[in-house]
PDB file of all heavy atoms in Angstrom:
ATOM      1  N   ALA A   1       0.823  -1.204   0.000  1.00  0.00           N
ATOM      2  CA  ALA A   1       0.000   0.000   0.000  1.00  0.00           C
ATOM      3  C   ALA A   1       0.861   1.260   0.000  1.00  0.00           C
ATOM      4  O   ALA A   1       1.818   1.371   0.762  1.00  0.00           O
ATOM      5  CB  ALA A   1      -0.927   0.009   1.208  1.00  0.00           C
ATOM      6  N   VAL A   2       0.516   2.198  -0.880  1.00  0.00           N
ATOM      7  CA  VAL A   2       1.215   3.476  -0.971  1.00  0.00           C
ATOM      8  C   VAL A   2       0.176   4.585  -0.947  1.00  0.00           C
ATOM      9  O   VAL A   2      -0.737   4.618  -1.782  1.00  0.00           O
ATOM     10  CB  VAL A   2       2.036   3.571  -2.282  1.00  0.00           C
ATOM     11  CG1 VAL A   2       2.709   4.936  -2.387  1.00  0.00           C
ATOM     12  CG2 VAL A   2       3.070   2.459  -2.340  1.00  0.00           C
ATOM     13  N   ARG A   3       0.290   5.480   0.003  1.00  0.00           N
ATOM     14  CA  ARG A   3      -0.657   6.599   0.103  1.00  0.00           C
ATOM     15  C   ARG A   3      -0.164   7.762  -0.745  1.00  0.00           C
ATOM     16  O   ARG A   3       0.996   8.171  -0.655  1.00  0.00           O
ATOM     17  CB  ARG A   3      -0.803   7.038   1.556  1.00  0.00           C
ATOM     18  CG  ARG A   3      -1.842   8.119   1.761  1.00  0.00           C
ATOM     19  CD  ARG A   3      -2.152   8.266   3.239  1.00  0.00           C
ATOM     20  NE  ARG A   3      -3.159   9.281   3.492  1.00  0.00           N
ATOM     21  CZ  ARG A   3      -3.838   9.382   4.630  1.00  0.00           C
ATOM     22  NH1 ARG A   3      -3.574   8.530   5.614  1.00  0.00           N
ATOM     23  NH2 ARG A   3      -4.734  10.318   4.794  1.00  0.00           N
ATOM     24  N   ILE A   4      -1.049   8.294  -1.576  1.00  0.00           N
ATOM     25  CA  ILE A   4      -0.667   9.346  -2.514  1.00  0.00           C
ATOM     26  C   ILE A   4      -1.905  10.164  -2.864  1.00  0.00           C
ATOM     27  O   ILE A   4      -3.019   9.643  -2.893  1.00  0.00           O
ATOM     28  CB  ILE A   4      -0.034   8.726  -3.793  1.00  0.00           C
ATOM     29  CG1 ILE A   4       0.498   9.800  -4.735  1.00  0.00           C
ATOM     30  CG2 ILE A   4      -1.009   7.798  -4.483  1.00  0.00           C
ATOM     31  CD1 ILE A   4       1.300   9.227  -5.903  1.00  0.00           C
ATOM     32  N   GLY A   5      -1.744  11.460  -3.104  1.00  0.00           N
ATOM     33  CA  GLY A   5      -2.869  12.306  -3.487  1.00  0.00           C
ATOM     34  C   GLY A   5      -3.385  11.946  -4.866  1.00  0.00           C
ATOM     35  O   GLY A   5      -2.632  11.465  -5.725  1.00  0.00           O
ATOM     36  N   ALA A   6      -4.662  12.185  -5.089  1.00  0.00           N
ATOM     37  CA  ALA A   6      -5.290  11.787  -6.354  1.00  0.00           C
ATOM     38  C   ALA A   6      -4.643  12.475  -7.556  1.00  0.00           C
ATOM     39  O   ALA A   6      -4.352  11.828  -8.578  1.00  0.00           O
ATOM     40  CB  ALA A   6      -6.784  12.092  -6.308  1.00  0.00           C
ATOM     41  N   GLU A   7      -4.428  13.780  -7.480  1.00  0.00           N
ATOM     42  CA  GLU A   7      -3.838  14.503  -8.609  1.00  0.00           C
ATOM     43  C   GLU A   7      -2.405  14.035  -8.868  1.00  0.00           C
ATOM     44  O   GLU A   7      -1.995  13.850 -10.017  1.00  0.00           O
ATOM     45  CB  GLU A   7      -3.857  16.014  -8.331  1.00  0.00           C
ATOM     46  CG  GLU A   7      -5.243  16.611  -8.135  1.00  0.00           C
ATOM     47  CD  GLU A   7      -6.011  16.741  -9.445  1.00  0.00           C
ATOM     48  OE1 GLU A   7      -5.396  16.531 -10.514  1.00  0.00           O
ATOM     49  OE2 GLU A   7      -7.218  17.043  -9.395  1.00  0.00           O
ATOM     50  N   GLU A   8      -1.641  13.837  -7.790  1.00  0.00           N
ATOM     51  CA  GLU A   8      -0.263  13.369  -7.944  1.00  0.00           C
ATOM     52  C   GLU A   8      -0.252  11.965  -8.542  1.00  0.00           C
ATOM     53  O   GLU A   8       0.597  11.640  -9.381  1.00  0.00           O
ATOM     54  CB  GLU A   8       0.448  13.369  -6.592  1.00  0.00           C
ATOM     55  CG  GLU A   8       1.917  12.996  -6.681  1.00  0.00           C
ATOM     56  CD  GLU A   8       2.613  12.973  -5.332  1.00  0.00           C
ATOM     57  OE1 GLU A   8       1.935  13.203  -4.297  1.00  0.00           O
ATOM     58  OE2 GLU A   8       3.829  12.708  -5.310  1.00  0.00           O
ATOM     59  N   HIS A   9      -1.191  11.136  -8.114  1.00  0.00           N
ATOM     60  CA  HIS A   9      -1.296   9.789  -8.672  1.00  0.00           C
ATOM     61  C   HIS A   9      -1.512   9.831 -10.178  1.00  0.00           C
ATOM     62  O   HIS A   9      -0.852   9.121 -10.946  1.00  0.00           O
ATOM     63  CB  HIS A   9      -2.457   9.031  -8.011  1.00  0.00           C
ATOM     64  CG  HIS A   9      -2.854   7.782  -8.737  1.00  0.00           C
ATOM     65  ND1 HIS A   9      -3.719   7.792  -9.821  1.00  0.00           N
ATOM     66  CD2 HIS A   9      -2.494   6.492  -8.567  1.00  0.00           C
ATOM     67  CE1 HIS A   9      -3.876   6.567 -10.267  1.00  0.00           C
ATOM     68  NE2 HIS A   9      -3.152   5.755  -9.530  1.00  0.00           N
ATOM     69  N   ASP A  10      -2.440  10.674 -10.622  1.00  0.00           N
ATOM     70  CA  ASP A  10      -2.759  10.719 -12.047  1.00  0.00           C
ATOM     71  C   ASP A  10      -1.586  11.222 -12.877  1.00  0.00           C
ATOM     72  O   ASP A  10      -1.349  10.742 -13.991  1.00  0.00           O
ATOM     73  CB  ASP A  10      -3.997  11.581 -12.274  1.00  0.00           C
ATOM     74  CG  ASP A  10      -5.272  10.912 -11.769  1.00  0.00           C
ATOM     75  OD1 ASP A  10      -5.188   9.751 -11.309  1.00  0.00           O
ATOM     76  OD2 ASP A  10      -6.339  11.539 -11.825  1.00  0.00           O
ATOM     77  N   ARG A  11      -0.835  12.185 -12.338  1.00  0.00           N
ATOM     78  CA  ARG A  11       0.360  12.653 -13.054  1.00  0.00           C
ATOM     79  C   ARG A  11       1.411  11.543 -13.099  1.00  0.00           C
ATOM     80  O   ARG A  11       2.100  11.369 -14.100  1.00  0.00           O
ATOM     81  CB  ARG A  11       0.937  13.899 -12.389  1.00  0.00           C
ATOM     82  CG  ARG A  11       0.069  15.142 -12.521  1.00  0.00           C
ATOM     83  CD  ARG A  11       0.844  16.394 -12.116  1.00  0.00           C
ATOM     84  NE  ARG A  11       1.286  16.333 -10.735  1.00  0.00           N
ATOM     85  CZ  ARG A  11       0.579  16.756  -9.695  1.00  0.00           C
ATOM     86  NH1 ARG A  11      -0.637  17.264  -9.885  1.00  0.00           N
ATOM     87  NH2 ARG A  11       1.059  16.672  -8.470  1.00  0.00           N
ATOM     88  N   ALA A  12       1.514  10.788 -12.004  1.00  0.00           N
ATOM     89  CA  ALA A  12       2.515   9.725 -11.936  1.00  0.00           C
ATOM     90  C   ALA A  12       2.208   8.600 -12.922  1.00  0.00           C
ATOM     91  O   ALA A  12       3.095   8.147 -13.657  1.00  0.00           O
ATOM     92  CB  ALA A  12       2.596   9.175 -10.511  1.00  0.00           C
ATOM     93  N   VAL A  13       0.954   8.136 -12.948  1.00  0.00           N
ATOM     94  CA  VAL A  13       0.638   7.012 -13.844  1.00  0.00           C
ATOM     95  C   VAL A  13       0.653   7.444 -15.305  1.00  0.00           C
ATOM     96  O   VAL A  13       0.828   6.612 -16.196  1.00  0.00           O
ATOM     97  CB  VAL A  13      -0.712   6.358 -13.484  1.00  0.00           C
ATOM     98  CG1 VAL A  13      -0.637   5.692 -12.127  1.00  0.00           C
ATOM     99  CG2 VAL A  13      -1.864   7.339 -13.561  1.00  0.00           C
ATOM    100  N   ALA A  14       0.490   8.744 -15.567  1.00  0.00           N
ATOM    101  CA  ALA A  14       0.647   9.220 -16.942  1.00  0.00           C
ATOM    102  C   ALA A  14       2.060   8.941 -17.439  1.00  0.00           C
ATOM    103  O   ALA A  14       2.264   8.571 -18.596  1.00  0.00           O
ATOM    104  CB  ALA A  14       0.339  10.715 -17.024  1.00  0.00           C
ATOM    105  N   VAL A  15       3.052   9.090 -16.543  1.00  0.00           N
ATOM    106  CA  VAL A  15       4.458   8.886 -16.909  1.00  0.00           C
ATOM    107  C   VAL A  15       4.817   7.408 -16.970  1.00  0.00           C
ATOM    108  O   VAL A  15       5.492   6.963 -17.900  1.00  0.00           O
ATOM    109  CB  VAL A  15       5.382   9.606 -15.897  1.00  0.00           C
ATOM    110  CG1 VAL A  15       6.845   9.280 -16.171  1.00  0.00           C
ATOM    111  CG2 VAL A  15       5.155  11.100 -15.952  1.00  0.00           C
ATOM    112  N   VAL A  16       4.354   6.629 -15.978  1.00  0.00           N
ATOM    113  CA  VAL A  16       4.848   5.248 -15.858  1.00  0.00           C
ATOM    114  C   VAL A  16       3.917   4.207 -16.469  1.00  0.00           C
ATOM    115  O   VAL A  16       4.297   3.042 -16.586  1.00  0.00           O
ATOM    116  CB  VAL A  16       5.108   4.885 -14.377  1.00  0.00           C
ATOM    117  CG1 VAL A  16       6.118   5.828 -13.762  1.00  0.00           C
ATOM    118  CG2 VAL A  16       3.815   4.866 -13.563  1.00  0.00           C
ATOM    119  N   SER A  17       2.706   4.601 -16.871  1.00  0.00           N
ATOM    120  CA  SER A  17       1.767   3.609 -17.386  1.00  0.00           C
ATOM    121  C   SER A  17       1.022   4.066 -18.637  1.00  0.00           C
ATOM    122  O   SER A  17       1.078   3.414 -19.677  1.00  0.00           O
ATOM    123  CB  SER A  17       0.749   3.237 -16.301  1.00  0.00           C
ATOM    124  OG  SER A  17      -0.231   2.353 -16.789  1.00  0.00           O
ATOM    125  N   HIS A  18       0.322   5.207 -18.548  1.00  0.00           N
ATOM    126  CA  HIS A  18      -0.589   5.583 -19.620  1.00  0.00           C
ATOM    127  C   HIS A  18       0.129   6.031 -20.899  1.00  0.00           C
ATOM    128  O   HIS A  18      -0.163   5.537 -21.991  1.00  0.00           O
ATOM    129  CB  HIS A  18      -1.532   6.682 -19.121  1.00  0.00           C
ATOM    130  CG  HIS A  18      -2.371   6.234 -17.967  1.00  0.00           C
ATOM    131  ND1 HIS A  18      -3.145   7.098 -17.219  1.00  0.00           N
ATOM    132  CD2 HIS A  18      -2.573   5.001 -17.425  1.00  0.00           C
ATOM    133  CE1 HIS A  18      -3.773   6.416 -16.276  1.00  0.00           C
ATOM    134  NE2 HIS A  18      -3.433   5.144 -16.382  1.00  0.00           N
ATOM    135  N   ALA A  19       1.067   6.962 -20.762  1.00  0.00           N
ATOM    136  CA  ALA A  19       1.816   7.390 -21.953  1.00  0.00           C
ATOM    137  C   ALA A  19       2.664   6.259 -22.533  1.00  0.00           C
ATOM    138  O   ALA A  19       2.728   6.112 -23.763  1.00  0.00           O
ATOM    139  CB  ALA A  19       2.675   8.612 -21.634  1.00  0.00           C
ATOM    140  N   PRO A  20       3.318   5.430 -21.713  1.00  0.00           N
ATOM    141  CA  PRO A  20       4.034   4.282 -22.293  1.00  0.00           C
ATOM    142  C   PRO A  20       3.125   3.356 -23.094  1.00  0.00           C
ATOM    143  O   PRO A  20       3.554   2.801 -24.110  1.00  0.00           O
ATOM    144  CB  PRO A  20       4.608   3.568 -21.059  1.00  0.00           C
ATOM    145  CG  PRO A  20       4.819   4.665 -20.074  1.00  0.00           C
ATOM    146  CD  PRO A  20       3.651   5.592 -20.282  1.00  0.00           C
ATOM    147  N   HIS A  21       1.866   3.206 -22.663  1.00  0.00           N
ATOM    148  CA  HIS A  21       0.952   2.344 -23.412  1.00  0.00           C
ATOM    149  C   HIS A  21       0.676   2.927 -24.797  1.00  0.00           C
ATOM    150  O   HIS A  21       0.697   2.202 -25.802  1.00  0.00           O
ATOM    151  CB  HIS A  21      -0.358   2.170 -22.654  1.00  0.00           C
ATOM    152  CG  HIS A  21      -1.237   1.119 -23.251  1.00  0.00           C
ATOM    153  ND1 HIS A  21      -1.287  -0.171 -22.782  1.00  0.00           N
ATOM    154  CD2 HIS A  21      -2.083   1.156 -24.313  1.00  0.00           C
ATOM    155  CE1 HIS A  21      -2.111  -0.885 -23.529  1.00  0.00           C
ATOM    156  NE2 HIS A  21      -2.622  -0.089 -24.459  1.00  0.00           N
ATOM    157  N   VAL A  22       0.429   4.227 -24.861  1.00  0.00           N
ATOM    158  CA  VAL A  22       0.173   4.868 -26.156  1.00  0.00           C
ATOM    159  C   VAL A  22       1.425   4.789 -27.026  1.00  0.00           C
ATOM    160  O   VAL A  22       1.346   4.524 -28.230  1.00  0.00           O
ATOM    161  CB  VAL A  22      -0.272   6.326 -25.969  1.00  0.00           C
ATOM    162  CG1 VAL A  22      -0.497   6.994 -27.319  1.00  0.00           C
ATOM    163  CG2 VAL A  22      -1.551   6.396 -25.136  1.00  0.00           C
ATOM    164  N   THR A  23       2.579   5.010 -26.438  1.00  0.00           N
ATOM    165  CA  THR A  23       3.834   4.950 -27.187  1.00  0.00           C
ATOM    166  C   THR A  23       4.069   3.542 -27.740  1.00  0.00           C
ATOM    167  O   THR A  23       4.459   3.374 -28.906  1.00  0.00           O
ATOM    168  CB  THR A  23       5.009   5.364 -26.288  1.00  0.00           C
ATOM    169  OG1 THR A  23       4.752   6.657 -25.728  1.00  0.00           O
ATOM    170  CG2 THR A  23       6.306   5.400 -27.067  1.00  0.00           C
ATOM    171  N   ALA A  24       3.817   2.524 -26.913  1.00  0.00           N
ATOM    172  CA  ALA A  24       3.955   1.145 -27.382  1.00  0.00           C
ATOM    173  C   ALA A  24       2.984   0.864 -28.521  1.00  0.00           C
ATOM    174  O   ALA A  24       3.322   0.170 -29.492  1.00  0.00           O
ATOM    175  CB  ALA A  24       3.714   0.172 -26.228  1.00  0.00           C
ATOM    176  N   SER A  25       1.786   1.410 -28.421  1.00  0.00           N
ATOM    177  CA  SER A  25       0.794   1.210 -29.482  1.00  0.00           C
ATOM    178  C   SER A  25       1.246   1.873 -30.779  1.00  0.00           C
ATOM    179  O   SER A  25       1.023   1.337 -31.878  1.00  0.00           O
ATOM    180  CB  SER A  25      -0.561   1.773 -29.042  1.00  0.00           C
ATOM    181  OG  SER A  25      -1.062   1.052 -27.923  1.00  0.00           O
ATOM    182  N   ALA A  26       1.871   3.046 -30.664  1.00  0.00           N
ATOM    183  CA  ALA A  26       2.351   3.735 -31.860  1.00  0.00           C
ATOM    184  C   ALA A  26       3.439   2.921 -32.561  1.00  0.00           C
ATOM    185  O   ALA A  26       3.479   2.835 -33.798  1.00  0.00           O
ATOM    186  CB  ALA A  26       2.878   5.122 -31.485  1.00  0.00           C
ATOM    187  N   VAL A  27       4.314   2.305 -31.777  1.00  0.00           N
ATOM    188  CA  VAL A  27       5.352   1.456 -32.369  1.00  0.00           C
ATOM    189  C   VAL A  27       4.717   0.207 -32.981  1.00  0.00           C
ATOM    190  O   VAL A  27       5.037  -0.185 -34.113  1.00  0.00           O
ATOM    191  CB  VAL A  27       6.396   1.058 -31.304  1.00  0.00           C
ATOM    192  CG1 VAL A  27       7.404   0.075 -31.888  1.00  0.00           C
ATOM    193  CG2 VAL A  27       7.122   2.300 -30.775  1.00  0.00           C
ATOM    194  N   ALA A  28       3.797  -0.416 -32.238  1.00  0.00           N
ATOM    195  CA  ALA A  28       3.151  -1.632 -32.735  1.00  0.00           C
ATOM    196  C   ALA A  28       2.328  -1.373 -33.988  1.00  0.00           C
ATOM    197  O   ALA A  28       2.200  -2.243 -34.862  1.00  0.00           O
ATOM    198  CB  ALA A  28       2.259  -2.233 -31.644  1.00  0.00           C
ATOM    199  N   ALA A  29       1.765  -0.163 -34.097  1.00  0.00           N
ATOM    200  CA  ALA A  29       0.969   0.174 -35.278  1.00  0.00           C
ATOM    201  C   ALA A  29       1.804   0.126 -36.550  1.00  0.00           C
ATOM    202  O   ALA A  29       1.286  -0.157 -37.638  1.00  0.00           O
ATOM    203  CB  ALA A  29       0.336   1.558 -35.115  1.00  0.00           C
ATOM    204  N   ARG A  30       3.098   0.413 -36.429  1.00  0.00           N
ATOM    205  CA  ARG A  30       3.986   0.317 -37.593  1.00  0.00           C
ATOM    206  C   ARG A  30       4.078  -1.129 -38.090  1.00  0.00           C
ATOM    207  O   ARG A  30       4.301  -1.379 -39.267  1.00  0.00           O
ATOM    208  CB  ARG A  30       5.387   0.833 -37.242  1.00  0.00           C
ATOM    209  CG  ARG A  30       5.424   2.231 -36.634  1.00  0.00           C
ATOM    210  CD  ARG A  30       5.296   3.337 -37.659  1.00  0.00           C
ATOM    211  NE  ARG A  30       3.989   3.462 -38.249  1.00  0.00           N
ATOM    212  CZ  ARG A  30       2.923   4.014 -37.622  1.00  0.00           C
ATOM    213  NH1 ARG A  30       3.010   4.460 -36.385  1.00  0.00           N
ATOM    214  NH2 ARG A  30       1.764   4.127 -38.240  1.00  0.00           N
ATOM    215  N   LEU A  31       3.927  -2.082 -37.169  1.00  0.00           N
ATOM    216  CA  LEU A  31       4.035  -3.489 -37.546  1.00  0.00           C
ATOM    217  C   LEU A  31       2.847  -3.936 -38.393  1.00  0.00           C
ATOM    218  O   LEU A  31       2.960  -4.897 -39.159  1.00  0.00           O
ATOM    219  CB  LEU A  31       4.136  -4.362 -36.294  1.00  0.00           C
ATOM    220  CG  LEU A  31       5.322  -4.070 -35.366  1.00  0.00           C
ATOM    221  CD1 LEU A  31       5.274  -5.000 -34.158  1.00  0.00           C
ATOM    222  CD2 LEU A  31       6.641  -4.206 -36.105  1.00  0.00           C
ATOM    223  N   ALA A  32       1.708  -3.254 -38.239  1.00  0.00           N
ATOM    224  CA  ALA A  32       0.530  -3.621 -39.030  1.00  0.00           C
ATOM    225  C   ALA A  32       0.773  -3.404 -40.518  1.00  0.00           C
ATOM    226  O   ALA A  32       0.122  -4.031 -41.361  1.00  0.00           O
ATOM    227  CB  ALA A  32      -0.679  -2.806 -38.567  1.00  0.00           C
ATOM    228  N   GLU A  33       1.712  -2.514 -40.848  1.00  0.00           N
ATOM    229  CA  GLU A  33       2.017  -2.212 -42.246  1.00  0.00           C
ATOM    230  C   GLU A  33       3.361  -2.794 -42.685  1.00  0.00           C
ATOM    231  O   GLU A  33       3.791  -2.589 -43.814  1.00  0.00           O
ATOM    232  CB  GLU A  33       2.040  -0.700 -42.447  1.00  0.00           C
ATOM    233  CG  GLU A  33       0.748  -0.007 -41.992  1.00  0.00           C
ATOM    234  CD  GLU A  33       0.915   1.507 -41.882  1.00  0.00           C
ATOM    235  OE1 GLU A  33       2.032   1.993 -42.138  1.00  0.00           O
ATOM    236  OE2 GLU A  33      -0.069   2.175 -41.530  1.00  0.00           O
ATOM    237  N   ALA A  34       4.029  -3.531 -41.766  1.00  0.00           N
ATOM    238  CA  ALA A  34       5.367  -4.036 -42.073  1.00  0.00           C
ATOM    239  C   ALA A  34       5.293  -5.222 -43.033  1.00  0.00           C
ATOM    240  O   ALA A  34       4.299  -5.951 -43.076  1.00  0.00           O
ATOM    241  CB  ALA A  34       6.071  -4.452 -40.783  1.00  0.00           C
ATOM    242  N   SER A  35       6.355  -5.422 -43.764  1.00  0.00           N
ATOM    243  CA  SER A  35       6.422  -6.538 -44.707  1.00  0.00           C
ATOM    244  C   SER A  35       6.630  -7.849 -43.962  1.00  0.00           C
ATOM    245  O   SER A  35       7.075  -7.868 -42.810  1.00  0.00           O
ATOM    246  CB  SER A  35       7.574  -6.321 -45.681  1.00  0.00           C
ATOM    247  OG  SER A  35       8.815  -6.405 -44.998  1.00  0.00           O
ATOM    248  N   ALA A  36       6.340  -8.938 -44.651  1.00  0.00           N
ATOM    249  CA  ALA A  36       6.562 -10.260 -44.070  1.00  0.00           C
ATOM    250  C   ALA A  36       8.044 -10.463 -43.762  1.00  0.00           C
ATOM    251  O   ALA A  36       8.407 -11.102 -42.775  1.00  0.00           O
ATOM    252  CB  ALA A  36       6.058 -11.341 -45.012  1.00  0.00           C
ATOM    253  N   ALA A  37       8.909  -9.896 -44.606  1.00  0.00           N
ATOM    254  CA  ALA A  37      10.348 -10.019 -44.372  1.00  0.00           C
ATOM    255  C   ALA A  37      10.749  -9.329 -43.071  1.00  0.00           C
ATOM    256  O   ALA A  37      11.552  -9.858 -42.288  1.00  0.00           O
ATOM    257  CB  ALA A  37      11.117  -9.417 -45.545  1.00  0.00           C
ATOM    258  N   ALA A  38      10.185  -8.149 -42.834  1.00  0.00           N
ATOM    259  CA  ALA A  38      10.499  -7.425 -41.599  1.00  0.00           C
ATOM    260  C   ALA A  38      10.030  -8.202 -40.378  1.00  0.00           C
ATOM    261  O   ALA A  38      10.748  -8.337 -39.385  1.00  0.00           O
ATOM    262  CB  ALA A  38       9.863  -6.044 -41.634  1.00  0.00           C
ATOM    263  N   LEU A  39       8.797  -8.723 -40.442  1.00  0.00           N
ATOM    264  CA  LEU A  39       8.252  -9.455 -39.303  1.00  0.00           C
ATOM    265  C   LEU A  39       9.037 -10.725 -39.036  1.00  0.00           C
ATOM    266  O   LEU A  39       9.151 -11.170 -37.882  1.00  0.00           O
ATOM    267  CB  LEU A  39       6.781  -9.780 -39.556  1.00  0.00           C
ATOM    268  CG  LEU A  39       5.852  -8.563 -39.636  1.00  0.00           C
ATOM    269  CD1 LEU A  39       4.437  -8.993 -40.001  1.00  0.00           C
ATOM    270  CD2 LEU A  39       5.849  -7.792 -38.323  1.00  0.00           C
ATOM    271  N   GLY A  40       9.591 -11.312 -40.098  1.00  0.00           N
ATOM    272  CA  GLY A  40      10.398 -12.509 -39.922  1.00  0.00           C
ATOM    273  C   GLY A  40      11.688 -12.248 -39.174  1.00  0.00           C
ATOM    274  O   GLY A  40      12.317 -13.179 -38.667  1.00  0.00           O
ATOM    275  N   LEU A  41      12.086 -10.979 -39.097  1.00  0.00           N
ATOM    276  CA  LEU A  41      13.305 -10.607 -38.377  1.00  0.00           C
ATOM    277  C   LEU A  41      13.023 -10.117 -36.964  1.00  0.00           C
ATOM    278  O   LEU A  41      13.939  -9.717 -36.248  1.00  0.00           O
ATOM    279  CB  LEU A  41      14.041  -9.507 -39.156  1.00  0.00           C
ATOM    280  CG  LEU A  41      14.544  -9.892 -40.548  1.00  0.00           C
ATOM    281  CD1 LEU A  41      15.130  -8.677 -41.244  1.00  0.00           C
ATOM    282  CD2 LEU A  41      15.576 -11.016 -40.460  1.00  0.00           C
ATOM    283  N   ALA A  42      11.746 -10.136 -36.560  1.00  0.00           N
ATOM    284  CA  ALA A  42      11.372  -9.612 -35.243  1.00  0.00           C
ATOM    285  C   ALA A  42      12.036 -10.420 -34.141  1.00  0.00           C
ATOM    286  O   ALA A  42      12.019 -11.654 -34.151  1.00  0.00           O
ATOM    287  CB  ALA A  42       9.856  -9.655 -35.087  1.00  0.00           C
ATOM    288  N   GLY A  43      12.615  -9.715 -33.195  1.00  0.00           N
ATOM    289  CA  GLY A  43      13.288 -10.358 -32.072  1.00  0.00           C
ATOM    290  C   GLY A  43      12.713  -9.901 -30.744  1.00  0.00           C
ATOM    291  O   GLY A  43      11.651  -9.272 -30.686  1.00  0.00           O
ATOM    292  N   PRO A  44      13.406 -10.181 -29.648  1.00  0.00           N
ATOM    293  CA  PRO A  44      12.890  -9.843 -28.323  1.00  0.00           C
ATOM    294  C   PRO A  44      12.744  -8.348 -28.090  1.00  0.00           C
ATOM    295  O   PRO A  44      11.893  -7.926 -27.310  1.00  0.00           O
ATOM    296  CB  PRO A  44      13.920 -10.462 -27.371  1.00  0.00           C
ATOM    297  CG  PRO A  44      15.163 -10.625 -28.184  1.00  0.00           C
ATOM    298  CD  PRO A  44      14.688 -10.900 -29.571  1.00  0.00           C
ATOM    299  N   GLY A  45      13.552  -7.537 -28.766  1.00  0.00           N
ATOM    300  CA  GLY A  45      13.464  -6.094 -28.556  1.00  0.00           C
ATOM    301  C   GLY A  45      12.102  -5.540 -28.910  1.00  0.00           C
ATOM    302  O   GLY A  45      11.467  -4.830 -28.124  1.00  0.00           O
TER     303      GLY A  45
END
């Protein structure tokens, strides 16, 4: 349990959760248009 103010919480999760999710989606969206050759080279990164 961590006690934190509501406004501070929302600013914090924007940095560590919400914006990273949108950023990951933006990167993943590029894969929807990627060639089969590119996807065949996909690794852990």
